[in-house]
């Protein structure tokens, strides 16, 4: 659940607000009653798992075949 906090209170209580966010909360910072920013926890970056895409991606047999002359010329700006 979000908690709305005015800028003055946020400046005075930043450490406490960060603790609330670390505990899973969300803080909306407001200036003159208008929301202007959101303080949210950073998601922990999970380690990438090798082989995650195995069997989900297919590559054509001619993937690394030379390009036709016309297409190669277009890529090289000679067209």
Protein backbone atom coordinates (compact mmCIF):
# COMPACT_ATOMS: atom_id res chain seq x y z
CA UNK A 1 0.00 0.00 0.00
CA UNK A 2 1.26 3.47 -0.87
CA UNK A 3 1.81 6.19 1.68
CA UNK A 4 1.75 9.85 0.57
CA UNK A 5 4.34 12.09 2.23
CA UNK A 6 4.96 15.79 1.67
CA UNK A 7 8.46 16.96 0.77
CA UNK A 8 9.17 18.61 4.14
CA UNK A 9 8.30 15.43 6.02
CA UNK A 10 10.37 13.38 3.58
CA UNK A 11 13.43 15.57 4.13
CA UNK A 12 13.05 15.32 7.89
CA UNK A 13 12.40 11.57 7.99
CA UNK A 14 14.30 10.12 5.05
CA UNK A 15 15.95 7.31 7.04
CA UNK A 16 12.60 6.16 8.43
CA UNK A 17 10.99 6.29 4.99
CA UNK A 18 13.80 4.23 3.48
CA UNK A 19 13.31 1.64 6.22
CA UNK A 20 9.60 1.46 5.33
CA UNK A 21 10.48 0.96 1.66
CA UNK A 22 13.04 -1.74 2.54
CA UNK A 23 10.26 -3.53 4.42
CA UNK A 24 8.21 -3.61 1.20
CA UNK A 25 6.35 -0.32 1.39
CA UNK A 26 5.96 2.36 -1.24
CA UNK A 27 6.19 6.09 -0.55
CA UNK A 28 4.67 8.76 -2.80
CA UNK A 29 6.38 12.14 -2.45
CA UNK A 30 4.11 15.13 -2.91
CA UNK A 31 4.76 18.83 -3.41
CA UNK A 32 1.84 21.15 -2.64
CA UNK A 33 -0.42 18.10 -2.46
CA UNK A 34 0.51 16.86 -5.96
CA UNK A 35 2.38 13.55 -6.32
CA UNK A 36 5.79 14.12 -7.92
CA UNK A 37 7.89 11.03 -7.19
CA UNK A 38 7.71 7.49 -5.91
CA UNK A 39 10.13 5.78 -3.54
CA UNK A 40 10.12 2.02 -4.11
CA UNK A 41 12.47 -0.85 -3.23
CA UNK A 42 15.04 -1.95 -5.79
CA UNK A 43 14.38 -5.45 -6.98
CA UNK A 44 17.23 -7.78 -6.26
CA UNK A 45 18.83 -8.94 -9.46
CA UNK A 46 18.64 -12.69 -9.57
CA UNK A 47 21.52 -14.54 -11.14
CA UNK A 48 20.88 -15.53 -14.73
CA UNK A 49 20.28 -19.21 -15.23
CA UNK A 50 22.19 -20.82 -18.09
CA UNK A 51 20.10 -22.69 -20.62
CA UNK A 52 16.91 -20.83 -19.82
CA UNK A 53 16.09 -20.35 -23.52
CA UNK A 54 17.04 -23.91 -24.55
CA UNK A 55 14.40 -25.32 -26.88
CA UNK A 56 12.60 -21.97 -27.18
CA UNK A 57 14.69 -20.36 -29.91
CA UNK A 58 15.28 -21.78 -33.36
CA UNK A 59 17.78 -20.59 -35.92
CA UNK A 60 17.48 -21.21 -39.65
CA UNK A 61 20.09 -23.39 -41.32
CA UNK A 62 21.30 -20.46 -43.45
CA UNK A 63 21.63 -18.02 -40.54
CA UNK A 64 25.32 -17.36 -41.12
CA UNK A 65 25.28 -17.70 -44.91
CA UNK A 66 26.67 -14.76 -46.90
CA UNK A 67 24.12 -12.07 -47.76
CA UNK A 68 22.99 -11.69 -51.36
CA UNK A 69 24.97 -8.98 -53.19
CA UNK A 70 21.98 -6.61 -53.38
CA UNK A 71 21.27 -6.79 -49.65
CA UNK A 72 24.95 -6.49 -48.76
CA UNK A 73 25.18 -3.34 -50.89
CA UNK A 74 22.19 -1.88 -49.02
CA UNK A 75 23.85 -2.56 -45.64
CA UNK A 76 27.09 -0.99 -46.81
CA UNK A 77 25.31 2.11 -48.10
CA UNK A 78 26.15 1.49 -51.75
CA UNK A 79 22.55 1.42 -52.85
